[in-house]
Amino acid sequence: MTEDGIRRIRCVGALVSDTRGRLLLVRRAHDPGRGQWSLPGGKVEPGESDAQALAREVREETGLEVAVGALIGTVERDAPNGVFRIADYACVVTGGDLRAGDDADEALWADLATFDTLDRSNELVAHLADTLREWDAMPSSG
């Protein structure tokens, strides 16, 4: 618990682009956000650094190995018993094969047209598109 009485849950997210500028997205298999597309990521476990947690989450959700780079930004999102404090990092794929796993029921490389379609049809987790626009981190047109 913090001084303001709100429980903040430390989480990480990955902004991973391929050589064509497409953004890696996963469709959540569980709540929160079940059935919606999001960045790969999740909770930081006790004793993990952000980079360790993010590499683990990306591997579990997508089958890809990544090198974690610079912090792009942080956001807070409502959680059932507090607030998720999510630190989003740029990542580069270093190995593996794309496949959905663990908390994801699908994974894909989204170009701008695909991302915009998901956004217009309300298939993205809340605020993802606005946040990525604010950070100038939208996928390219492929």
N, C-alpha and C. Protein backbone atom coordinates (compact mmCIF):
# COMPACT_ATOMS: atom_id res chain seq x y z
N MET A 1 0.85 -1.18 0.00
CA MET A 1 0.00 0.00 0.00
C MET A 1 0.89 1.24 0.00
N THR A 2 0.50 2.25 -0.75
CA THR A 2 1.27 3.49 -0.80
C THR A 2 0.66 4.49 0.14
N GLU A 3 1.29 5.63 0.25
CA GLU A 3 0.81 6.65 1.18
C GLU A 3 -0.59 7.16 0.84
N ASP A 4 -0.99 7.05 -0.43
CA ASP A 4 -2.34 7.48 -0.80
C ASP A 4 -3.37 6.37 -0.61
N GLY A 5 -2.93 5.20 -0.09
CA GLY A 5 -3.85 4.11 0.19
C GLY A 5 -4.20 3.25 -1.01
N ILE A 6 -3.57 3.49 -2.15
CA ILE A 6 -3.85 2.72 -3.36
C ILE A 6 -2.76 1.67 -3.55
N ARG A 7 -3.16 0.43 -3.75
CA ARG A 7 -2.21 -0.65 -4.02
C ARG A 7 -1.78 -0.57 -5.48
N ARG A 8 -0.49 -0.36 -5.71
CA ARG A 8 0.05 -0.31 -7.06
C ARG A 8 0.75 -1.63 -7.36
N ILE A 9 0.36 -2.25 -8.46
CA ILE A 9 0.89 -3.55 -8.87
C ILE A 9 1.87 -3.32 -10.00
N ARG A 10 3.13 -3.67 -9.77
CA ARG A 10 4.20 -3.41 -10.74
C ARG A 10 4.08 -4.35 -11.92
N CYS A 11 3.99 -3.78 -13.13
CA CYS A 11 3.85 -4.55 -14.37
C CYS A 11 4.76 -3.96 -15.44
N VAL A 12 4.96 -4.76 -16.49
CA VAL A 12 5.78 -4.33 -17.62
C VAL A 12 5.08 -4.67 -18.93
N GLY A 13 5.39 -3.92 -19.97
CA GLY A 13 4.86 -4.17 -21.30
C GLY A 13 5.96 -4.00 -22.34
N ALA A 14 5.82 -4.72 -23.46
CA ALA A 14 6.85 -4.72 -24.50
C ALA A 14 6.35 -4.05 -25.78
N LEU A 15 7.09 -3.07 -26.26
CA LEU A 15 6.86 -2.51 -27.57
C LEU A 15 7.91 -3.12 -28.49
N VAL A 16 7.46 -4.12 -29.26
CA VAL A 16 8.34 -4.89 -30.13
C VAL A 16 7.90 -4.66 -31.56
N SER A 17 8.82 -4.21 -32.39
CA SER A 17 8.53 -4.02 -33.82
C SER A 17 9.42 -4.95 -34.63
N ASP A 18 8.88 -5.43 -35.76
CA ASP A 18 9.69 -6.24 -36.66
C ASP A 18 10.40 -5.32 -37.66
N THR A 19 11.12 -5.90 -38.60
CA THR A 19 11.90 -5.10 -39.55
C THR A 19 11.02 -4.27 -40.48
N ARG A 20 9.73 -4.60 -40.56
CA ARG A 20 8.80 -3.83 -41.39
C ARG A 20 8.05 -2.77 -40.58
N GLY A 21 8.37 -2.65 -39.29
CA GLY A 21 7.72 -1.65 -38.46
C GLY A 21 6.38 -2.07 -37.89
N ARG A 22 6.03 -3.36 -38.05
CA ARG A 22 4.77 -3.85 -37.48
C ARG A 22 4.97 -4.07 -35.98
N LEU A 23 3.90 -3.89 -35.23
CA LEU A 23 3.94 -3.97 -33.77
C LEU A 23 3.41 -5.32 -33.30
N LEU A 24 4.11 -5.94 -32.36
CA LEU A 24 3.70 -7.21 -31.81
C LEU A 24 2.53 -7.01 -30.83
N LEU A 25 1.43 -7.72 -31.09
CA LEU A 25 0.26 -7.67 -30.22
C LEU A 25 -0.14 -9.08 -29.82
N VAL A 26 -0.77 -9.19 -28.65
CA VAL A 26 -1.34 -10.46 -28.20
C VAL A 26 -2.80 -10.23 -27.84
N ARG A 27 -3.61 -11.25 -28.07
CA ARG A 27 -5.01 -11.19 -27.62
C ARG A 27 -5.07 -11.91 -26.28
N ARG A 28 -5.54 -11.19 -25.28
CA ARG A 28 -5.59 -11.68 -23.91
C ARG A 28 -6.55 -12.85 -23.78
N ALA A 29 -6.07 -13.94 -23.16
CA ALA A 29 -6.89 -15.13 -22.93
C ALA A 29 -7.62 -15.07 -21.59
N HIS A 30 -7.19 -14.15 -20.70
CA HIS A 30 -7.76 -14.06 -19.36
C HIS A 30 -8.01 -12.59 -18.99
N ASP A 31 -8.87 -12.39 -18.02
CA ASP A 31 -9.07 -11.04 -17.50
C ASP A 31 -7.84 -10.61 -16.72
N PRO A 32 -7.55 -9.32 -16.64
CA PRO A 32 -8.30 -8.23 -17.28
C PRO A 32 -8.00 -8.15 -18.78
N GLY A 33 -8.96 -7.70 -19.51
CA GLY A 33 -8.80 -7.50 -20.95
C GLY A 33 -9.02 -8.74 -21.79
N ARG A 34 -9.66 -9.74 -21.25
CA ARG A 34 -9.90 -10.99 -21.99
C ARG A 34 -10.53 -10.69 -23.35
N GLY A 35 -9.96 -11.30 -24.41
CA GLY A 35 -10.48 -11.14 -25.76
C GLY A 35 -10.04 -9.88 -26.46
N GLN A 36 -9.28 -9.02 -25.78
CA GLN A 36 -8.81 -7.78 -26.38
C GLN A 36 -7.32 -7.87 -26.70
N TRP A 37 -6.92 -7.10 -27.68
CA TRP A 37 -5.52 -7.07 -28.11
C TRP A 37 -4.74 -6.06 -27.27
N SER A 38 -3.51 -6.41 -26.94
CA SER A 38 -2.66 -5.59 -26.10
C SER A 38 -1.20 -5.84 -26.43
N LEU A 39 -0.33 -5.10 -25.78
CA LEU A 39 1.10 -5.39 -25.85
C LEU A 39 1.38 -6.60 -24.98
N PRO A 40 2.37 -7.42 -25.33
CA PRO A 40 2.75 -8.50 -24.43
C PRO A 40 3.30 -7.92 -23.13
N GLY A 41 3.07 -8.61 -22.05
CA GLY A 41 3.59 -8.15 -20.77
C GLY A 41 2.80 -8.72 -19.61
N GLY A 42 3.12 -8.27 -18.42
CA GLY A 42 2.42 -8.75 -17.24
C GLY A 42 3.08 -8.28 -15.96
N LYS A 43 2.76 -8.96 -14.88
CA LYS A 43 3.25 -8.59 -13.55
C LYS A 43 4.71 -8.94 -13.37
N VAL A 44 5.39 -8.08 -12.62
CA VAL A 44 6.77 -8.34 -12.21
C VAL A 44 6.70 -9.17 -10.94
N GLU A 45 7.36 -10.33 -10.97
CA GLU A 45 7.37 -11.23 -9.81
C GLU A 45 8.40 -10.75 -8.80
N PRO A 46 8.21 -11.11 -7.50
CA PRO A 46 9.19 -10.73 -6.48
C PRO A 46 10.60 -11.19 -6.86
N GLY A 47 11.57 -10.29 -6.72
CA GLY A 47 12.95 -10.59 -7.04
C GLY A 47 13.34 -10.39 -8.49
N GLU A 48 12.38 -10.11 -9.37
CA GLU A 48 12.68 -9.87 -10.78
C GLU A 48 12.93 -8.40 -11.04
N SER A 49 13.83 -8.13 -11.97
CA SER A 49 13.97 -6.78 -12.51
C SER A 49 12.90 -6.62 -13.58
N ASP A 50 12.66 -5.39 -14.01
CA ASP A 50 11.71 -5.17 -15.10
C ASP A 50 12.15 -5.94 -16.35
N ALA A 51 13.44 -5.90 -16.66
CA ALA A 51 13.94 -6.57 -17.87
C ALA A 51 13.74 -8.09 -17.78
N GLN A 52 14.01 -8.67 -16.63
CA GLN A 52 13.81 -10.12 -16.47
C GLN A 52 12.34 -10.47 -16.63
N ALA A 53 11.47 -9.70 -15.98
CA ALA A 53 10.03 -9.96 -16.06
C ALA A 53 9.53 -9.83 -17.49
N LEU A 54 9.99 -8.81 -18.19
CA LEU A 54 9.52 -8.57 -19.54
C LEU A 54 9.99 -9.66 -20.50
N ALA A 55 11.24 -10.06 -20.39
CA ALA A 55 11.74 -11.15 -21.24
C ALA A 55 10.94 -12.42 -20.98
N ARG A 56 10.65 -12.72 -19.72
CA ARG A 56 9.87 -13.90 -19.37
C ARG A 56 8.46 -13.82 -19.93
N GLU A 57 7.80 -12.68 -19.74
CA GLU A 57 6.42 -12.52 -20.20
C GLU A 57 6.32 -12.63 -21.73
N VAL A 58 7.24 -11.99 -22.45
CA VAL A 58 7.20 -12.05 -23.91
C VAL A 58 7.41 -13.49 -24.38
N ARG A 59 8.37 -14.19 -23.78
CA ARG A 59 8.63 -15.59 -24.14
C ARG A 59 7.40 -16.45 -23.87
N GLU A 60 6.78 -16.29 -22.70
CA GLU A 60 5.61 -17.09 -22.34
C GLU A 60 4.42 -16.80 -23.25
N GLU A 61 4.21 -15.54 -23.60
CA GLU A 61 3.02 -15.16 -24.36
C GLU A 61 3.18 -15.30 -25.87
N THR A 62 4.43 -15.21 -26.36
CA THR A 62 4.61 -15.16 -27.82
C THR A 62 5.62 -16.17 -28.37
N GLY A 63 6.40 -16.82 -27.53
CA GLY A 63 7.45 -17.71 -28.00
C GLY A 63 8.70 -17.01 -28.47
N LEU A 64 8.73 -15.69 -28.40
CA LEU A 64 9.88 -14.92 -28.87
C LEU A 64 10.82 -14.55 -27.72
N GLU A 65 12.10 -14.55 -28.03
CA GLU A 65 13.13 -14.07 -27.10
C GLU A 65 13.40 -12.61 -27.46
N VAL A 66 13.52 -11.75 -26.45
CA VAL A 66 13.77 -10.33 -26.71
C VAL A 66 14.90 -9.80 -25.84
N ALA A 67 15.55 -8.77 -26.37
CA ALA A 67 16.46 -7.94 -25.60
C ALA A 67 15.66 -6.70 -25.22
N VAL A 68 15.65 -6.38 -23.94
CA VAL A 68 14.88 -5.24 -23.44
C VAL A 68 15.73 -3.99 -23.51
N GLY A 69 15.15 -2.95 -24.11
CA GLY A 69 15.86 -1.69 -24.29
C GLY A 69 15.32 -0.59 -23.38
N ALA A 70 15.20 0.59 -23.96
CA ALA A 70 14.85 1.80 -23.22
C ALA A 70 13.40 1.82 -22.76
N LEU A 71 13.19 2.47 -21.62
CA LEU A 71 11.84 2.73 -21.13
C LEU A 71 11.19 3.75 -22.06
N ILE A 72 10.02 3.41 -22.59
CA ILE A 72 9.28 4.30 -23.48
C ILE A 72 8.34 5.19 -22.67
N GLY A 73 7.69 4.62 -21.67
CA GLY A 73 6.77 5.38 -20.84
C GLY A 73 6.09 4.49 -19.82
N THR A 74 5.34 5.12 -18.93
CA THR A 74 4.59 4.38 -17.92
C THR A 74 3.14 4.85 -17.92
N VAL A 75 2.26 3.92 -17.59
CA VAL A 75 0.84 4.22 -17.49
C VAL A 75 0.29 3.53 -16.24
N GLU A 76 -0.83 4.01 -15.77
CA GLU A 76 -1.55 3.34 -14.69
C GLU A 76 -2.93 2.99 -15.20
N ARG A 77 -3.35 1.76 -14.92
CA ARG A 77 -4.65 1.26 -15.33
C ARG A 77 -5.33 0.62 -14.14
N ASP A 78 -6.65 0.74 -14.06
CA ASP A 78 -7.41 0.15 -12.97
C ASP A 78 -7.18 -1.34 -12.90
N ALA A 79 -7.05 -1.84 -11.68
CA ALA A 79 -6.93 -3.27 -11.41
C ALA A 79 -8.05 -3.65 -10.45
N PRO A 80 -8.40 -4.92 -10.38
CA PRO A 80 -9.49 -5.33 -9.48
C PRO A 80 -9.28 -4.91 -8.03
N ASN A 81 -8.03 -4.90 -7.57
CA ASN A 81 -7.77 -4.55 -6.17
C ASN A 81 -6.66 -3.50 -6.05
N GLY A 82 -6.67 -2.54 -6.94
CA GLY A 82 -5.67 -1.48 -6.92
C GLY A 82 -5.48 -0.89 -8.30
N VAL A 83 -4.22 -0.62 -8.63
CA VAL A 83 -3.86 -0.02 -9.91
C VAL A 83 -2.66 -0.76 -10.48
N PHE A 84 -2.73 -1.12 -11.76
CA PHE A 84 -1.56 -1.66 -12.44
C PHE A 84 -0.69 -0.48 -12.84
N ARG A 85 0.56 -0.46 -12.40
CA ARG A 85 1.54 0.54 -12.85
C ARG A 85 2.43 -0.16 -13.85
N ILE A 86 2.25 0.19 -15.14
CA ILE A 86 2.89 -0.54 -16.24
C ILE A 86 4.02 0.30 -16.83
N ALA A 87 5.22 -0.26 -16.82
CA ALA A 87 6.38 0.37 -17.46
C ALA A 87 6.57 -0.31 -18.81
N ASP A 88 6.46 0.45 -19.88
CA ASP A 88 6.57 -0.09 -21.24
C ASP A 88 7.95 0.20 -21.81
N TYR A 89 8.58 -0.86 -22.32
CA TYR A 89 9.95 -0.79 -22.83
C TYR A 89 10.01 -1.18 -24.30
N ALA A 90 10.94 -0.54 -25.02
CA ALA A 90 11.25 -0.98 -26.38
C ALA A 90 12.01 -2.30 -26.28
N CYS A 91 11.69 -3.23 -27.16
CA CYS A 91 12.35 -4.54 -27.17
C CYS A 91 12.68 -4.93 -28.60
N VAL A 92 13.72 -5.75 -28.74
CA VAL A 92 14.16 -6.25 -30.03
C VAL A 92 14.15 -7.78 -29.97
N VAL A 93 13.58 -8.40 -30.99
CA VAL A 93 13.54 -9.86 -31.06
C VAL A 93 14.95 -10.40 -31.32
N THR A 94 15.35 -11.39 -30.51
CA THR A 94 16.66 -12.01 -30.68
C THR A 94 16.55 -13.49 -31.04
N GLY A 95 15.33 -14.05 -31.01
CA GLY A 95 15.17 -15.45 -31.35
C GLY A 95 13.75 -15.92 -31.11
N GLY A 96 13.51 -17.20 -31.36
CA GLY A 96 12.21 -17.80 -31.14
C GLY A 96 11.32 -17.75 -32.37
N ASP A 97 10.17 -18.39 -32.24
CA ASP A 97 9.16 -18.42 -33.30
C ASP A 97 7.84 -17.92 -32.73
N LEU A 98 7.18 -17.03 -33.46
CA LEU A 98 5.93 -16.44 -32.99
C LEU A 98 4.84 -17.50 -32.87
N ARG A 99 4.27 -17.59 -31.67
CA ARG A 99 3.14 -18.47 -31.39
C ARG A 99 2.49 -17.95 -30.11
N ALA A 100 1.19 -18.08 -30.03
CA ALA A 100 0.48 -17.66 -28.82
C ALA A 100 0.69 -18.70 -27.73
N GLY A 101 0.82 -18.23 -26.51
CA GLY A 101 0.98 -19.15 -25.38
C GLY A 101 0.63 -18.46 -24.08
N ASP A 102 0.57 -19.24 -23.01
CA ASP A 102 0.32 -18.75 -21.65
C ASP A 102 -0.95 -17.92 -21.59
N ASP A 103 -0.84 -16.62 -21.34
CA ASP A 103 -2.01 -15.76 -21.16
C ASP A 103 -2.55 -15.18 -22.46
N ALA A 104 -2.01 -15.61 -23.60
CA ALA A 104 -2.44 -15.09 -24.90
C ALA A 104 -3.09 -16.21 -25.71
N ASP A 105 -4.20 -15.91 -26.37
CA ASP A 105 -4.79 -16.94 -27.24
C ASP A 105 -4.49 -16.69 -28.71
N GLU A 106 -3.84 -15.56 -29.01
CA GLU A 106 -3.38 -15.28 -30.36
C GLU A 106 -2.29 -14.21 -30.29
N ALA A 107 -1.36 -14.25 -31.23
CA ALA A 107 -0.31 -13.25 -31.33
C ALA A 107 -0.14 -12.89 -32.79
N LEU A 108 0.15 -11.63 -33.06
CA LEU A 108 0.33 -11.19 -34.45
C LEU A 108 1.21 -9.97 -34.54
N TRP A 109 1.75 -9.77 -35.76
CA TRP A 109 2.45 -8.55 -36.10
C TRP A 109 1.43 -7.64 -36.79
N ALA A 110 1.12 -6.50 -36.18
CA ALA A 110 0.10 -5.60 -36.70
C ALA A 110 0.72 -4.40 -37.40
N ASP A 111 0.37 -4.22 -38.69
CA ASP A 111 0.75 -2.99 -39.37
C ASP A 111 -0.27 -1.92 -39.00
N LEU A 112 -0.10 -0.72 -39.50
CA LEU A 112 -0.97 0.39 -39.11
C LEU A 112 -2.43 0.12 -39.49
N ALA A 113 -2.67 -0.43 -40.67
CA ALA A 113 -4.05 -0.71 -41.10
C ALA A 113 -4.72 -1.72 -40.17
N THR A 114 -4.01 -2.77 -39.82
CA THR A 114 -4.56 -3.78 -38.90
C THR A 114 -4.82 -3.17 -37.53
N PHE A 115 -3.85 -2.40 -37.05
CA PHE A 115 -3.99 -1.75 -35.74
C PHE A 115 -5.20 -0.82 -35.74
N ASP A 116 -5.34 0.00 -36.78
CA ASP A 116 -6.48 0.92 -36.86
C ASP A 116 -7.81 0.17 -36.92
N THR A 117 -7.85 -0.96 -37.62
CA THR A 117 -9.06 -1.77 -37.68
C THR A 117 -9.41 -2.30 -36.29
N LEU A 118 -8.42 -2.80 -35.56
CA LEU A 118 -8.65 -3.28 -34.20
C LEU A 118 -9.13 -2.14 -33.30
N ASP A 119 -8.57 -0.96 -33.48
CA ASP A 119 -8.96 0.20 -32.69
C ASP A 119 -10.41 0.60 -32.99
N ARG A 120 -10.75 0.71 -34.27
CA ARG A 120 -12.12 1.12 -34.66
C ARG A 120 -13.17 0.12 -34.19
N SER A 121 -12.81 -1.16 -34.12
CA SER A 121 -13.77 -2.18 -33.72
C SER A 121 -13.72 -2.47 -32.21
N ASN A 122 -13.04 -1.59 -31.46
CA ASN A 122 -12.95 -1.70 -29.99
C ASN A 122 -12.38 -3.04 -29.54
N GLU A 123 -11.40 -3.55 -30.29
CA GLU A 123 -10.77 -4.81 -29.93
C GLU A 123 -9.43 -4.62 -29.21
N LEU A 124 -8.99 -3.37 -29.03
CA LEU A 124 -7.77 -3.08 -28.28
C LEU A 124 -8.13 -2.82 -26.82
N VAL A 125 -7.20 -3.13 -25.91
CA VAL A 125 -7.43 -2.77 -24.52
C VAL A 125 -7.58 -1.25 -24.43
N ALA A 126 -8.33 -0.82 -23.45
CA ALA A 126 -8.62 0.60 -23.28
C ALA A 126 -7.34 1.44 -23.25
N HIS A 127 -7.37 2.53 -23.96
CA HIS A 127 -6.33 3.57 -23.96
C HIS A 127 -5.05 3.19 -24.71
N LEU A 128 -4.95 1.96 -25.25
CA LEU A 128 -3.70 1.57 -25.91
C LEU A 128 -3.39 2.46 -27.11
N ALA A 129 -4.34 2.65 -27.98
CA ALA A 129 -4.10 3.45 -29.18
C ALA A 129 -3.72 4.89 -28.82
N ASP A 130 -4.45 5.49 -27.90
CA ASP A 130 -4.15 6.87 -27.51
C ASP A 130 -2.75 6.99 -26.91
N THR A 131 -2.39 6.02 -26.07
CA THR A 131 -1.07 6.04 -25.43
C THR A 131 0.03 5.90 -26.48
N LEU A 132 -0.13 4.97 -27.41
CA LEU A 132 0.90 4.77 -28.43
C LEU A 132 1.02 6.00 -29.33
N ARG A 133 -0.10 6.64 -29.63
CA ARG A 133 -0.05 7.89 -30.43
C ARG A 133 0.71 8.96 -29.66
N GLU A 134 0.42 9.09 -28.37
CA GLU A 134 1.08 10.09 -27.53
C GLU A 134 2.59 9.84 -27.48
N TRP A 135 2.99 8.60 -27.44
CA TRP A 135 4.41 8.23 -27.38
C TRP A 135 5.06 8.15 -28.76
N ASP A 136 4.33 8.42 -29.81
CA ASP A 136 4.82 8.29 -31.18
C ASP A 136 5.37 6.88 -31.42
N ALA A 137 4.59 5.88 -30.99
CA ALA A 137 5.02 4.48 -31.06
C ALA A 137 4.05 3.62 -31.85
N MET A 138 3.30 4.23 -32.75
CA MET A 138 2.36 3.48 -33.57
C MET A 138 3.11 2.60 -34.58
N PRO A 139 2.48 1.49 -34.99
CA PRO A 139 3.12 0.68 -36.04
C PRO A 139 3.17 1.45 -37.36
N SER A 140 4.04 1.01 -38.25
CA SER A 140 4.11 1.65 -39.56
C SER A 140 3.09 1.02 -40.50
N SER A 141 2.99 1.57 -41.68
CA SER A 141 2.03 1.06 -42.64
C SER A 141 2.50 -0.24 -43.29
N GLY A 142 3.63 -0.76 -42.84
CA GLY A 142 4.10 -2.07 -43.27
C GLY A 142 4.88 -2.02 -44.51
